[in-house]
Amino acid sequence: MNYKNKKSYLLVLVVMLQFILGNVYAQVSSAKTEMQWLGQAGFKIKSPGGKVFIIDPWINGGPKAPQVYKNDLSALGKIDFLLVSHGHVDHLGDAPAIAKLNEAMLYGPADMVTPLITLGLIPANLGYRFNKSGYITPSSGIKITAVKAEHSSLIVWNNPATGKNESHPAGEAVGYIIQLENGLKIWHMGDTGLFGDMAFISEYYKPDLVMIPIGGNFTMGPEDAAYAIKNWIKPKAVIPMHYNSNPMTKGTLAEFQEAMKGSGIKVIPMTEGQSIEY
């Protein structure tokens, strides 16, 4: 092949590659994000690019988790990675078991992941430590940043040698800004009370969709959550979570919807086990 023909051949290859990449980008950009509420603060999310990840899966112990997954975590399907916001049982839940089942990385606050490894709950190669303002790129086109949550964190572990429960400090709780392949930004707030930097986080990261706890007692109740959404965060849409699973968290969806009236922000109510596209 002479120089002129080689140059023409390369030009054709470049044009074809641009065409293929353009089609792939268009497909991802127009694809929807699939979300299933697992109860409490747990979600199974399928990104526009097809990656499946789980946040805060409290399934076998969760009273409102979908029955199909109880005692059969494999029914969740292939999980690419996991996010855990803090060490409390209703958030850490089945994350270690799901990580081991799928050989999937468990990402979380540094001082929570460390005791998970040292206590033998997950192998070292399946735990990734990061912290507030740090970010990870678990897959091409996905960026997840840890942000502040006003909450505590503790791991309760049953010591097999003694048969007794032990309490282990687990660092500080976090929330996550999850940016997906098509640019959609989700703020999963984890467990949190009100704090003024919610306004800064929203201004800086500009989340489109917020998953916010409304149950009260351990987190914001409906009125506090609505205040934060209407006055500080102002997203396009909000999914209330962390209610209806614990008698101590008495906040209700109806109370949150009432407090959100007149805001113009879309409230997306979900029932445990329900899946939606966004």
C-alpha atoms as a PDB file:
ATOM      1  CA  MET A   1       0.000   0.000   0.000  1.00  0.00           C
ATOM      2  CA  ASN A   2       1.487   3.344  -1.042  1.00  0.00           C
ATOM      3  CA  TYR A   3       1.514   6.435   1.137  1.00  0.00           C
ATOM      4  CA  LYS A   4      -1.517   8.029  -0.542  1.00  0.00           C
ATOM      5  CA  ASN A   5      -3.657   4.898  -0.193  1.00  0.00           C
ATOM      6  CA  LYS A   6      -2.537   4.384   3.401  1.00  0.00           C
ATOM      7  CA  LYS A   7      -3.495   7.951   4.265  1.00  0.00           C
ATOM      8  CA  SER A   8      -6.949   7.491   2.687  1.00  0.00           C
ATOM      9  CA  TYR A   9      -7.413   4.213   4.564  1.00  0.00           C
ATOM     10  CA  LEU A  10      -6.562   5.834   7.898  1.00  0.00           C
ATOM     11  CA  LEU A  11      -8.921   8.715   7.172  1.00  0.00           C
ATOM     12  CA  VAL A  12     -11.766   6.266   6.530  1.00  0.00           C
ATOM     13  CA  LEU A  13     -10.985   4.463   9.806  1.00  0.00           C
ATOM     14  CA  VAL A  14     -11.030   7.755  11.733  1.00  0.00           C
ATOM     15  CA  VAL A  15     -14.384   8.744  10.217  1.00  0.00           C
ATOM     16  CA  MET A  16     -15.863   5.315  11.015  1.00  0.00           C
ATOM     17  CA  LEU A  17     -14.592   5.472  14.593  1.00  0.00           C
ATOM     18  CA  GLN A  18     -16.058   8.948  15.079  1.00  0.00           C
ATOM     19  CA  PHE A  19     -19.378   7.694  13.725  1.00  0.00           C
ATOM     20  CA  ILE A  20     -19.407   4.686  16.067  1.00  0.00           C
ATOM     21  CA  LEU A  21     -18.405   6.720  19.127  1.00  0.00           C
ATOM     22  CA  GLY A  22     -20.976   9.347  18.255  1.00  0.00           C
ATOM     23  CA  ASN A  23     -23.719   6.733  18.150  1.00  0.00           C
ATOM     24  CA  VAL A  24     -22.591   5.226  21.462  1.00  0.00           C
ATOM     25  CA  TYR A  25     -22.549   8.677  23.105  1.00  0.00           C
ATOM     26  CA  ALA A  26     -25.991   9.488  21.730  1.00  0.00           C
ATOM     27  CA  GLN A  27     -27.395   6.209  23.055  1.00  0.00           C
ATOM     28  CA  VAL A  28     -25.933   6.753  26.529  1.00  0.00           C
ATOM     29  CA  SER A  29     -27.020  10.401  26.621  1.00  0.00           C
ATOM     30  CA  SER A  30     -30.616   9.494  25.801  1.00  0.00           C
ATOM     31  CA  ALA A  31     -30.758   6.404  28.032  1.00  0.00           C
ATOM     32  CA  LYS A  32     -32.666   6.511  31.287  1.00  0.00           C
ATOM     33  CA  THR A  33     -31.413   5.694  34.778  1.00  0.00           C
ATOM     34  CA  GLU A  34     -33.284   2.817  36.424  1.00  0.00           C
ATOM     35  CA  MET A  35     -33.783   2.949  40.193  1.00  0.00           C
ATOM     36  CA  GLN A  36     -35.358   0.425  42.540  1.00  0.00           C
ATOM     37  CA  TRP A  37     -36.080   1.315  46.161  1.00  0.00           C
ATOM     38  CA  LEU A  38     -34.944  -1.519  48.435  1.00  0.00           C
ATOM     39  CA  GLY A  39     -36.468   0.101  51.533  1.00  0.00           C
ATOM     40  CA  GLN A  40     -35.011   2.516  54.096  1.00  0.00           C
ATOM     41  CA  ALA A  41     -32.033   4.193  52.311  1.00  0.00           C
ATOM     42  CA  GLY A  42     -31.317   1.292  49.963  1.00  0.00           C
ATOM     43  CA  PHE A  43     -31.401   1.633  46.176  1.00  0.00           C
ATOM     44  CA  LYS A  44     -30.403  -0.535  43.253  1.00  0.00           C
ATOM     45  CA  ILE A  45     -29.421   1.688  40.330  1.00  0.00           C
ATOM     46  CA  LYS A  46     -28.719   0.851  36.709  1.00  0.00           C
ATOM     47  CA  SER A  47     -26.817   3.655  35.009  1.00  0.00           C
ATOM     48  CA  PRO A  48     -27.445   4.817  31.424  1.00  0.00           C
ATOM     49  CA  GLY A  49     -24.271   2.959  30.465  1.00  0.00           C
ATOM     50  CA  GLY A  50     -25.560  -0.292  31.965  1.00  0.00           C
ATOM     51  CA  LYS A  51     -23.574  -0.411  35.220  1.00  0.00           C
ATOM     52  CA  VAL A  52     -25.537  -1.749  38.201  1.00  0.00           C
ATOM     53  CA  PHE A  53     -24.715  -0.638  41.726  1.00  0.00           C
ATOM     54  CA  ILE A  54     -26.319  -0.713  45.138  1.00  0.00           C
ATOM     55  CA  ILE A  55     -26.431   1.869  47.911  1.00  0.00           C
ATOM     56  CA  ASP A  56     -27.030   1.016  51.595  1.00  0.00           C
ATOM     57  CA  PRO A  57     -28.671  -2.424  51.118  1.00  0.00           C
ATOM     58  CA  TRP A  58     -30.564  -3.448  54.275  1.00  0.00           C
ATOM     59  CA  ILE A  59     -32.321  -6.478  52.832  1.00  0.00           C
ATOM     60  CA  ASN A  60     -32.390  -9.607  55.012  1.00  0.00           C
ATOM     61  CA  GLY A  61     -32.912  -7.537  58.149  1.00  0.00           C
ATOM     62  CA  GLY A  62     -35.012  -4.837  56.519  1.00  0.00           C
ATOM     63  CA  PRO A  63     -38.722  -5.257  57.281  1.00  0.00           C
ATOM     64  CA  LYS A  64     -39.828  -3.578  54.036  1.00  0.00           C
ATOM     65  CA  ALA A  65     -37.136  -4.887  51.670  1.00  0.00           C
ATOM     66  CA  PRO A  66     -38.469  -6.751  48.616  1.00  0.00           C
ATOM     67  CA  GLN A  67     -39.261 -10.331  49.594  1.00  0.00           C
ATOM     68  CA  VAL A  68     -37.745 -11.716  46.389  1.00  0.00           C
ATOM     69  CA  TYR A  69     -34.263 -10.735  47.591  1.00  0.00           C
ATOM     70  CA  LYS A  70     -34.552 -11.976  51.172  1.00  0.00           C
ATOM     71  CA  ASN A  71     -32.405 -15.083  51.756  1.00  0.00           C
ATOM     72  CA  ASP A  72     -31.399 -14.994  48.072  1.00  0.00           C
ATOM     73  CA  LEU A  73     -29.147 -12.034  47.414  1.00  0.00           C
ATOM     74  CA  SER A  74     -28.226 -13.543  44.049  1.00  0.00           C
ATOM     75  CA  ALA A  75     -31.722 -12.540  42.893  1.00  0.00           C
ATOM     76  CA  LEU A  76     -30.401  -8.965  42.756  1.00  0.00           C
ATOM     77  CA  GLY A  77     -28.466  -9.994  39.641  1.00  0.00           C
ATOM     78  CA  LYS A  78     -24.923  -8.981  38.818  1.00  0.00           C
ATOM     79  CA  ILE A  79     -23.760  -6.009  40.902  1.00  0.00           C
ATOM     80  CA  ASP A  80     -20.786  -4.016  39.631  1.00  0.00           C
ATOM     81  CA  PHE A  81     -20.017  -2.087  42.835  1.00  0.00           C
ATOM     82  CA  LEU A  82     -21.521  -0.924  46.130  1.00  0.00           C
ATOM     83  CA  LEU A  83     -21.720   2.332  48.086  1.00  0.00           C
ATOM     84  CA  VAL A  84     -22.267   2.430  51.846  1.00  0.00           C
ATOM     85  CA  SER A  85     -22.852   5.754  53.585  1.00  0.00           C
ATOM     86  CA  HIS A  86     -22.008   4.644  57.154  1.00  0.00           C
ATOM     87  CA  GLY A  87     -21.797   1.673  59.479  1.00  0.00           C
ATOM     88  CA  HIS A  88     -25.267   1.469  61.045  1.00  0.00           C
ATOM     89  CA  VAL A  89     -26.940  -1.853  60.397  1.00  0.00           C
ATOM     90  CA  ASP A  90     -29.807  -0.404  58.335  1.00  0.00           C
ATOM     91  CA  HIS A  91     -27.232   0.948  55.850  1.00  0.00           C
ATOM     92  CA  LEU A  92     -24.295  -1.445  55.978  1.00  0.00           C
ATOM     93  CA  GLY A  93     -26.799  -4.301  56.094  1.00  0.00           C
ATOM     94  CA  ASP A  94     -26.033  -6.931  53.465  1.00  0.00           C
ATOM     95  CA  ALA A  95     -23.333  -4.931  51.667  1.00  0.00           C
ATOM     96  CA  PRO A  96     -20.418  -7.189  52.734  1.00  0.00           C
ATOM     97  CA  ALA A  97     -22.287 -10.324  51.616  1.00  0.00           C
ATOM     98  CA  ILE A  98     -23.252  -8.752  48.268  1.00  0.00           C
ATOM     99  CA  ALA A  99     -19.683  -7.559  47.694  1.00  0.00           C
ATOM    100  CA  LYS A 100     -18.304 -11.068  48.282  1.00  0.00           C
ATOM    101  CA  LEU A 101     -21.030 -12.727  46.223  1.00  0.00           C
ATOM    102  CA  ASN A 102     -20.242 -10.539  43.206  1.00  0.00           C
ATOM    103  CA  GLU A 103     -16.522  -9.964  43.795  1.00  0.00           C
ATOM    104  CA  ALA A 104     -17.561  -6.303  43.685  1.00  0.00           C
ATOM    105  CA  MET A 105     -15.805  -3.332  45.274  1.00  0.00           C
ATOM    106  CA  LEU A 106     -17.421  -1.851  48.374  1.00  0.00           C
ATOM    107  CA  TYR A 107     -16.747   1.893  48.534  1.00  0.00           C
ATOM    108  CA  GLY A 108     -17.273   3.825  51.728  1.00  0.00           C
ATOM    109  CA  PRO A 109     -15.916   6.177  54.394  1.00  0.00           C
ATOM    110  CA  ALA A 110     -12.299   5.320  55.157  1.00  0.00           C
ATOM    111  CA  ASP A 111     -12.786   4.620  58.859  1.00  0.00           C
ATOM    112  CA  MET A 112     -15.762   2.368  58.182  1.00  0.00           C
ATOM    113  CA  VAL A 113     -14.087   0.285  55.477  1.00  0.00           C
ATOM    114  CA  THR A 114     -10.996  -0.287  57.647  1.00  0.00           C
ATOM    115  CA  PRO A 115     -12.833  -2.161  60.450  1.00  0.00           C
ATOM    116  CA  LEU A 116     -14.827  -4.090  57.851  1.00  0.00           C
ATOM    117  CA  ILE A 117     -11.486  -5.431  56.633  1.00  0.00           C
ATOM    118  CA  THR A 118      -9.778  -5.883  60.006  1.00  0.00           C
ATOM    119  CA  LEU A 119     -12.817  -7.686  61.448  1.00  0.00           C
ATOM    120  CA  GLY A 120     -12.850 -10.004  58.449  1.00  0.00           C
ATOM    121  CA  LEU A 121     -16.243  -8.910  57.122  1.00  0.00           C
ATOM    122  CA  ILE A 122     -14.791  -8.267  53.669  1.00  0.00           C
ATOM    123  CA  PRO A 123     -11.401  -9.131  52.139  1.00  0.00           C
ATOM    124  CA  ALA A 124      -8.975  -6.249  51.691  1.00  0.00           C
ATOM    125  CA  ASN A 125      -9.217  -6.365  47.908  1.00  0.00           C
ATOM    126  CA  LEU A 126     -12.973  -5.615  48.025  1.00  0.00           C
ATOM    127  CA  GLY A 127     -12.802  -2.529  50.252  1.00  0.00           C
ATOM    128  CA  TYR A 128     -11.985   0.973  48.996  1.00  0.00           C
ATOM    129  CA  ARG A 129     -11.493   3.821  51.467  1.00  0.00           C
ATOM    130  CA  PHE A 130     -12.201   7.474  50.717  1.00  0.00           C
ATOM    131  CA  ASN A 131     -13.650  10.439  52.519  1.00  0.00           C
ATOM    132  CA  LYS A 132     -15.490  13.746  52.251  1.00  0.00           C
ATOM    133  CA  SER A 133     -14.496  15.747  49.128  1.00  0.00           C
ATOM    134  CA  GLY A 134     -12.687  12.673  47.801  1.00  0.00           C
ATOM    135  CA  TYR A 135     -14.091  11.085  44.690  1.00  0.00           C
ATOM    136  CA  ILE A 136     -13.975   7.756  42.892  1.00  0.00           C
ATOM    137  CA  THR A 137     -14.479   6.708  39.269  1.00  0.00           C
ATOM    138  CA  PRO A 138     -15.709   3.115  39.637  1.00  0.00           C
ATOM    139  CA  SER A 139     -16.524   2.898  35.934  1.00  0.00           C
ATOM    140  CA  SER A 140     -15.906   4.967  32.815  1.00  0.00           C
ATOM    141  CA  GLY A 141     -18.200   8.000  32.842  1.00  0.00           C
ATOM    142  CA  ILE A 142     -19.253   7.609  36.487  1.00  0.00           C
ATOM    143  CA  LYS A 143     -17.866   9.917  39.181  1.00  0.00           C
ATOM    144  CA  ILE A 144     -18.918   9.699  42.829  1.00  0.00           C
ATOM    145  CA  THR A 145     -17.948  12.299  45.420  1.00  0.00           C
ATOM    146  CA  ALA A 146     -18.325  11.849  49.175  1.00  0.00           C
ATOM    147  CA  VAL A 147     -19.916  14.850  50.905  1.00  0.00           C
ATOM    148  CA  LYS A 148     -20.871  15.770  54.429  1.00  0.00           C
ATOM    149  CA  ALA A 149     -23.732  14.157  56.329  1.00  0.00           C
ATOM    150  CA  GLU A 150     -24.679  15.249  59.847  1.00  0.00           C
ATOM    151  CA  HIS A 151     -24.810  11.846  61.512  1.00  0.00           C
ATOM    152  CA  SER A 152     -22.831   9.200  63.416  1.00  0.00           C
ATOM    153  CA  SER A 153     -21.436   5.791  62.456  1.00  0.00           C
ATOM    154  CA  LEU A 154     -20.932   2.518  64.332  1.00  0.00           C
ATOM    155  CA  ILE A 155     -20.486  -1.126  63.378  1.00  0.00           C
ATOM    156  CA  VAL A 156     -22.063  -3.750  65.637  1.00  0.00           C
ATOM    157  CA  TRP A 157     -20.283  -7.062  65.054  1.00  0.00           C
ATOM    158  CA  ASN A 158     -21.022 -10.441  66.527  1.00  0.00           C
ATOM    159  CA  ASN A 159     -17.695 -11.906  67.618  1.00  0.00           C
ATOM    160  CA  PRO A 160     -17.752 -15.604  66.635  1.00  0.00           C
ATOM    161  CA  ALA A 161     -15.208 -16.424  69.349  1.00  0.00           C
ATOM    162  CA  THR A 162     -17.456 -15.172  72.145  1.00  0.00           C
ATOM    163  CA  GLY A 163     -20.899 -15.134  70.528  1.00  0.00           C
ATOM    164  CA  LYS A 164     -21.340 -11.579  71.843  1.00  0.00           C
ATOM    165  CA  ASN A 165     -22.023  -8.350  69.996  1.00  0.00           C
ATOM    166  CA  GLU A 166     -19.244  -5.752  69.946  1.00  0.00           C
ATOM    167  CA  SER A 167     -19.487  -2.070  69.014  1.00  0.00           C
ATOM    168  CA  HIS A 168     -16.746  -0.689  66.769  1.00  0.00           C
ATOM    169  CA  PRO A 169     -16.302   3.008  65.828  1.00  0.00           C
ATOM    170  CA  ALA A 170     -16.777   3.472  62.078  1.00  0.00           C
ATOM    171  CA  GLY A 171     -15.663   7.009  61.294  1.00  0.00           C
ATOM    172  CA  GLU A 172     -18.109   9.632  60.054  1.00  0.00           C
ATOM    173  CA  ALA A 173     -21.190   9.211  57.903  1.00  0.00           C
ATOM    174  CA  VAL A 174     -21.222  10.655  54.380  1.00  0.00           C
ATOM    175  CA  GLY A 175     -23.584  11.342  51.513  1.00  0.00           C
ATOM    176  CA  TYR A 176     -22.764  10.830  47.840  1.00  0.00           C
ATOM    177  CA  ILE A 177     -22.960  13.003  44.735  1.00  0.00           C
ATOM    178  CA  ILE A 178     -23.298  10.441  41.952  1.00  0.00           C
ATOM    179  CA  GLN A 179     -22.653  11.711  38.428  1.00  0.00           C
ATOM    180  CA  LEU A 180     -23.617   9.198  35.740  1.00  0.00           C
ATOM    181  CA  GLU A 181     -22.510   8.754  32.123  1.00  0.00           C
ATOM    182  CA  ASN A 182     -25.187  11.083  30.735  1.00  0.00           C
ATOM    183  CA  GLY A 183     -24.376  13.865  33.218  1.00  0.00           C
ATOM    184  CA  LEU A 184     -27.279  13.172  35.593  1.00  0.00           C
ATOM    185  CA  LYS A 185     -26.317  14.023  39.173  1.00  0.00           C
ATOM    186  CA  ILE A 186     -27.965  12.244  42.100  1.00  0.00           C
ATOM    187  CA  TRP A 187     -27.372  13.291  45.713  1.00  0.00           C
ATOM    188  CA  HIS A 188     -27.962  10.319  47.993  1.00  0.00           C
ATOM    189  CA  MET A 189     -27.869  12.027  51.379  1.00  0.00           C
ATOM    190  CA  GLY A 190     -27.470   8.903  53.520  1.00  0.00           C
ATOM    191  CA  ASP A 191     -28.601   9.647  57.072  1.00  0.00           C
ATOM    192  CA  THR A 192     -28.399  13.301  57.988  1.00  0.00           C
ATOM    193  CA  GLY A 193     -29.849  16.105  60.025  1.00  0.00           C
ATOM    194  CA  LEU A 194     -30.031  19.683  58.818  1.00  0.00           C
ATOM    195  CA  PHE A 195     -26.761  21.562  58.236  1.00  0.00           C
ATOM    196  CA  GLY A 196     -26.167  24.871  56.482  1.00  0.00           C
ATOM    197  CA  ASP A 197     -23.594  23.526  54.024  1.00  0.00           C
ATOM    198  CA  MET A 198     -26.391  21.721  52.212  1.00  0.00           C
ATOM    199  CA  ALA A 199     -26.740  25.014  50.339  1.00  0.00           C
ATOM    200  CA  PHE A 200     -23.039  25.048  49.440  1.00  0.00           C
ATOM    201  CA  ILE A 201     -23.055  21.404  48.343  1.00  0.00           C
ATOM    202  CA  SER A 202     -26.056  22.084  46.100  1.00  0.00           C
ATOM    203  CA  GLU A 203     -24.540  25.257  44.647  1.00  0.00           C
ATOM    204  CA  TYR A 204     -21.198  23.569  43.941  1.00  0.00           C
ATOM    205  CA  TYR A 205     -22.289  20.130  42.697  1.00  0.00           C
ATOM    206  CA  LYS A 206     -25.719  21.068  41.286  1.00  0.00           C
ATOM    207  CA  PRO A 207     -27.604  17.786  41.855  1.00  0.00           C
ATOM    208  CA  ASP A 208     -30.610  17.097  39.626  1.00  0.00           C
ATOM    209  CA  LEU A 209     -32.235  14.494  41.858  1.00  0.00           C
ATOM    210  CA  VAL A 210     -31.985  14.216  45.651  1.00  0.00           C
ATOM    211  CA  MET A 211     -32.692  11.138  47.780  1.00  0.00           C
ATOM    212  CA  ILE A 212     -33.469  12.558  51.212  1.00  0.00           C
ATOM    213  CA  PRO A 213     -34.291  10.969  54.598  1.00  0.00           C
ATOM    214  CA  ILE A 214     -37.607  12.117  56.093  1.00  0.00           C
ATOM    215  CA  GLY A 215     -38.290   9.697  58.959  1.00  0.00           C
ATOM    216  CA  GLY A 216     -37.074  11.841  61.859  1.00  0.00           C
ATOM    217  CA  ASN A 217     -35.550  10.763  65.209  1.00  0.00           C
ATOM    218  CA  PHE A 218     -32.222   9.687  63.654  1.00  0.00           C
ATOM    219  CA  THR A 219     -32.442  12.065  60.675  1.00  0.00           C
ATOM    220  CA  MET A 220     -34.434  15.004  59.388  1.00  0.00           C
ATOM    221  CA  GLY A 221     -38.173  14.694  59.706  1.00  0.00           C
ATOM    222  CA  PRO A 222     -40.597  15.735  56.959  1.00  0.00           C
ATOM    223  CA  GLU A 223     -40.598  19.465  57.785  1.00  0.00           C
ATOM    224  CA  ASP A 224     -36.816  19.725  58.095  1.00  0.00           C
ATOM    225  CA  ALA A 225     -36.325  17.768  54.882  1.00  0.00           C
ATOM    226  CA  ALA A 226     -38.807  19.969  53.011  1.00  0.00           C
ATOM    227  CA  TYR A 227     -37.111  23.100  54.341  1.00  0.00           C
ATOM    228  CA  ALA A 228     -33.721  21.900  53.072  1.00  0.00           C
ATOM    229  CA  ILE A 229     -35.106  20.994  49.651  1.00  0.00           C
ATOM    230  CA  LYS A 230     -37.106  24.204  49.154  1.00  0.00           C
ATOM    231  CA  ASN A 231     -34.650  26.718  50.576  1.00  0.00           C
ATOM    232  CA  TRP A 232     -31.143  25.306  50.219  1.00  0.00           C
ATOM    233  CA  ILE A 233     -30.952  22.513  47.662  1.00  0.00           C
ATOM    234  CA  LYS A 234     -33.647  23.331  45.065  1.00  0.00           C
ATOM    235  CA  PRO A 235     -33.210  20.270  42.810  1.00  0.00           C
ATOM    236  CA  LYS A 236     -35.412  19.323  39.888  1.00  0.00           C
ATOM    237  CA  ALA A 237     -36.817  16.340  41.784  1.00  0.00           C
ATOM    238  CA  VAL A 238     -36.652  14.612  45.167  1.00  0.00           C
ATOM    239  CA  ILE A 239     -37.216  11.023  46.325  1.00  0.00           C
ATOM    240  CA  PRO A 240     -38.070  10.721  50.045  1.00  0.00           C
ATOM    241  CA  MET A 241     -36.470   7.757  51.815  1.00  0.00           C
ATOM    242  CA  HIS A 242     -35.557   6.422  55.274  1.00  0.00           C
ATOM    243  CA  TYR A 243     -39.097   6.166  56.611  1.00  0.00           C
ATOM    244  CA  ASN A 244     -41.741   3.448  57.030  1.00  0.00           C
ATOM    245  CA  SER A 245     -39.273   0.773  58.242  1.00  0.00           C
ATOM    246  CA  ASN A 246     -38.679   1.627  61.907  1.00  0.00           C
ATOM    247  CA  PRO A 247     -41.324   2.561  64.503  1.00  0.00           C
ATOM    248  CA  MET A 248     -38.925   5.179  65.871  1.00  0.00           C
ATOM    249  CA  THR A 249     -38.912   7.055  62.548  1.00  0.00           C
ATOM    250  CA  LYS A 250     -42.476   8.323  62.483  1.00  0.00           C
ATOM    251  CA  GLY A 251     -42.226  10.835  59.628  1.00  0.00           C
ATOM    252  CA  THR A 252     -44.559  10.038  56.744  1.00  0.00           C
ATOM    253  CA  LEU A 253     -44.671  10.598  53.014  1.00  0.00           C
ATOM    254  CA  ALA A 254     -47.940  12.508  53.384  1.00  0.00           C
ATOM    255  CA  GLU A 255     -46.336  14.933  55.863  1.00  0.00           C
ATOM    256  CA  PHE A 256     -43.415  15.517  53.491  1.00  0.00           C
ATOM    257  CA  GLN A 257     -45.718  16.059  50.515  1.00  0.00           C
ATOM    258  CA  GLU A 258     -47.760  18.549  52.532  1.00  0.00           C
ATOM    259  CA  ALA A 259     -44.611  20.439  53.577  1.00  0.00           C
ATOM    260  CA  MET A 260     -43.452  20.550  49.936  1.00  0.00           C
ATOM    261  CA  LYS A 261     -46.640  22.131  48.588  1.00  0.00           C
ATOM    262  CA  GLY A 262     -46.114  25.223  46.473  1.00  0.00           C
ATOM    263  CA  SER A 263     -42.417  24.589  45.878  1.00  0.00           C
ATOM    264  CA  GLY A 264     -42.619  23.556  42.217  1.00  0.00           C
ATOM    265  CA  ILE A 265     -40.088  20.791  42.901  1.00  0.00           C
ATOM    266  CA  LYS A 266     -41.221  17.351  41.765  1.00  0.00           C
ATOM    267  CA  VAL A 267     -41.696  14.855  44.595  1.00  0.00           C
ATOM    268  CA  ILE A 268     -41.306  11.248  43.402  1.00  0.00           C
ATOM    269  CA  PRO A 269     -42.980   8.934  45.935  1.00  0.00           C
ATOM    270  CA  MET A 270     -41.916   5.301  45.785  1.00  0.00           C
ATOM    271  CA  THR A 271     -43.010   2.114  47.493  1.00  0.00           C
ATOM    272  CA  GLU A 272     -40.500  -0.492  48.624  1.00  0.00           C
ATOM    273  CA  GLY A 273     -39.594  -2.737  45.703  1.00  0.00           C
ATOM    274  CA  GLN A 274     -40.854  -0.263  43.101  1.00  0.00           C
ATOM    275  CA  SER A 275     -38.638   0.589  40.115  1.00  0.00           C
ATOM    276  CA  ILE A 276     -38.720   3.836  38.144  1.00  0.00           C
ATOM    277  CA  GLU A 277     -36.821   5.415  35.268  1.00  0.00           C
ATOM    278  CA  TYR A 278     -35.490   8.938  35.440  1.00  0.00           C
END
